[in-house]
């Protein structure tokens, strides 16, 4: 099982349970923070829970900008 990311709505750590449907058992996660907007409303497959396309794209762009800044600073130092 991959490491779970915190809840995108409240930042709390999700809980994991085994869920069985039509004889198939899978690990699913959910947020059990009573103040969270998605509190117990939905169980989600772990891979889906950890999928954050906007966050991943932003982190990639930040890394690109930081690399460009490092190169620019090195060029200016010469």
Protein backbone atom coordinates (compact mmCIF):
# COMPACT_ATOMS: atom_id res chain seq x y z
CA UNK A 1 0.00 0.00 0.00
CA UNK A 2 1.36 3.39 -0.92
CA UNK A 3 1.67 6.13 1.67
CA UNK A 4 -1.56 8.09 1.97
CA UNK A 5 -1.69 11.82 1.42
CA UNK A 6 -3.71 13.94 3.86
CA UNK A 7 -7.30 14.85 3.10
CA UNK A 8 -7.40 17.57 0.42
CA UNK A 9 -10.26 19.28 2.22
CA UNK A 10 -9.19 19.36 5.86
CA UNK A 11 -5.59 18.13 5.93
CA UNK A 12 -6.42 15.24 8.26
CA UNK A 13 -5.07 11.76 7.73
CA UNK A 14 -7.55 9.32 6.20
CA UNK A 15 -8.62 6.04 7.72
CA UNK A 16 -8.34 2.77 5.80
CA UNK A 17 -10.82 -0.11 5.84
CA UNK A 18 -11.30 -3.29 3.85
CA UNK A 19 -14.42 -3.10 1.71
CA UNK A 20 -16.02 -6.09 0.01
CA UNK A 21 -18.42 -5.84 -2.90
CA UNK A 22 -19.62 -8.86 -4.84
CA UNK A 23 -16.87 -10.99 -3.40
CA UNK A 24 -14.04 -8.56 -4.19
CA UNK A 25 -12.19 -7.07 -1.23
CA UNK A 26 -10.24 -3.85 -1.59
CA UNK A 27 -8.67 -1.34 0.76
CA UNK A 28 -10.55 1.96 0.69
CA UNK A 29 -9.96 5.17 2.58
CA UNK A 30 -12.15 7.95 3.92
CA UNK A 31 -11.94 11.07 6.07
CA UNK A 32 -13.41 10.72 9.54
CA UNK A 33 -12.87 14.32 10.66
CA UNK A 34 -16.34 15.49 11.73
CA UNK A 35 -15.58 19.07 10.60
CA UNK A 36 -14.49 18.01 7.10
CA UNK A 37 -16.90 18.63 4.20
CA UNK A 38 -16.45 15.03 3.00
CA UNK A 39 -16.74 13.45 6.48
CA UNK A 40 -17.70 9.78 6.00
CA UNK A 41 -19.50 10.72 2.78
CA UNK A 42 -17.39 8.69 0.41
CA UNK A 43 -14.91 5.87 0.50
CA UNK A 44 -12.25 6.10 -2.15
CA UNK A 45 -9.71 3.66 -3.57
CA UNK A 46 -6.27 4.49 -2.22
CA UNK A 47 -4.78 5.25 -5.65
CA UNK A 48 -7.67 7.63 -6.35
CA UNK A 49 -7.29 9.27 -2.93
CA UNK A 50 -3.64 10.00 -3.63
CA UNK A 51 -4.31 11.38 -7.13
CA UNK A 52 -3.97 15.16 -7.05
CA UNK A 53 -3.50 16.32 -10.65
CA UNK A 54 -3.55 20.04 -9.88
CA UNK A 55 -1.18 19.68 -6.92
CA UNK A 56 1.16 17.47 -8.96
CA UNK A 57 1.18 19.95 -11.86
CA UNK A 58 1.89 22.85 -9.51
CA UNK A 59 4.73 20.97 -7.80
CA UNK A 60 6.23 20.17 -11.20
CA UNK A 61 6.02 23.82 -12.25
CA UNK A 62 7.57 25.00 -8.97
CA UNK A 63 10.50 22.60 -9.52
CA UNK A 64 10.95 23.96 -13.05
CA UNK A 65 10.95 27.56 -11.83
CA UNK A 66 13.37 26.80 -9.01
CA UNK A 67 15.74 25.11 -11.48
CA UNK A 68 15.53 28.09 -13.84
CA UNK A 69 16.20 30.46 -10.94
CA UNK A 70 19.28 28.47 -9.93
CA UNK A 71 20.62 28.61 -13.48
CA UNK A 72 19.90 32.34 -13.70
CA UNK A 73 21.66 33.02 -10.41
CA UNK A 74 24.68 30.99 -11.55
CA UNK A 75 24.87 32.95 -14.80
CA UNK A 76 24.59 36.28 -12.97
CA UNK A 77 27.35 35.28 -10.54
CA UNK A 78 29.86 34.92 -13.39
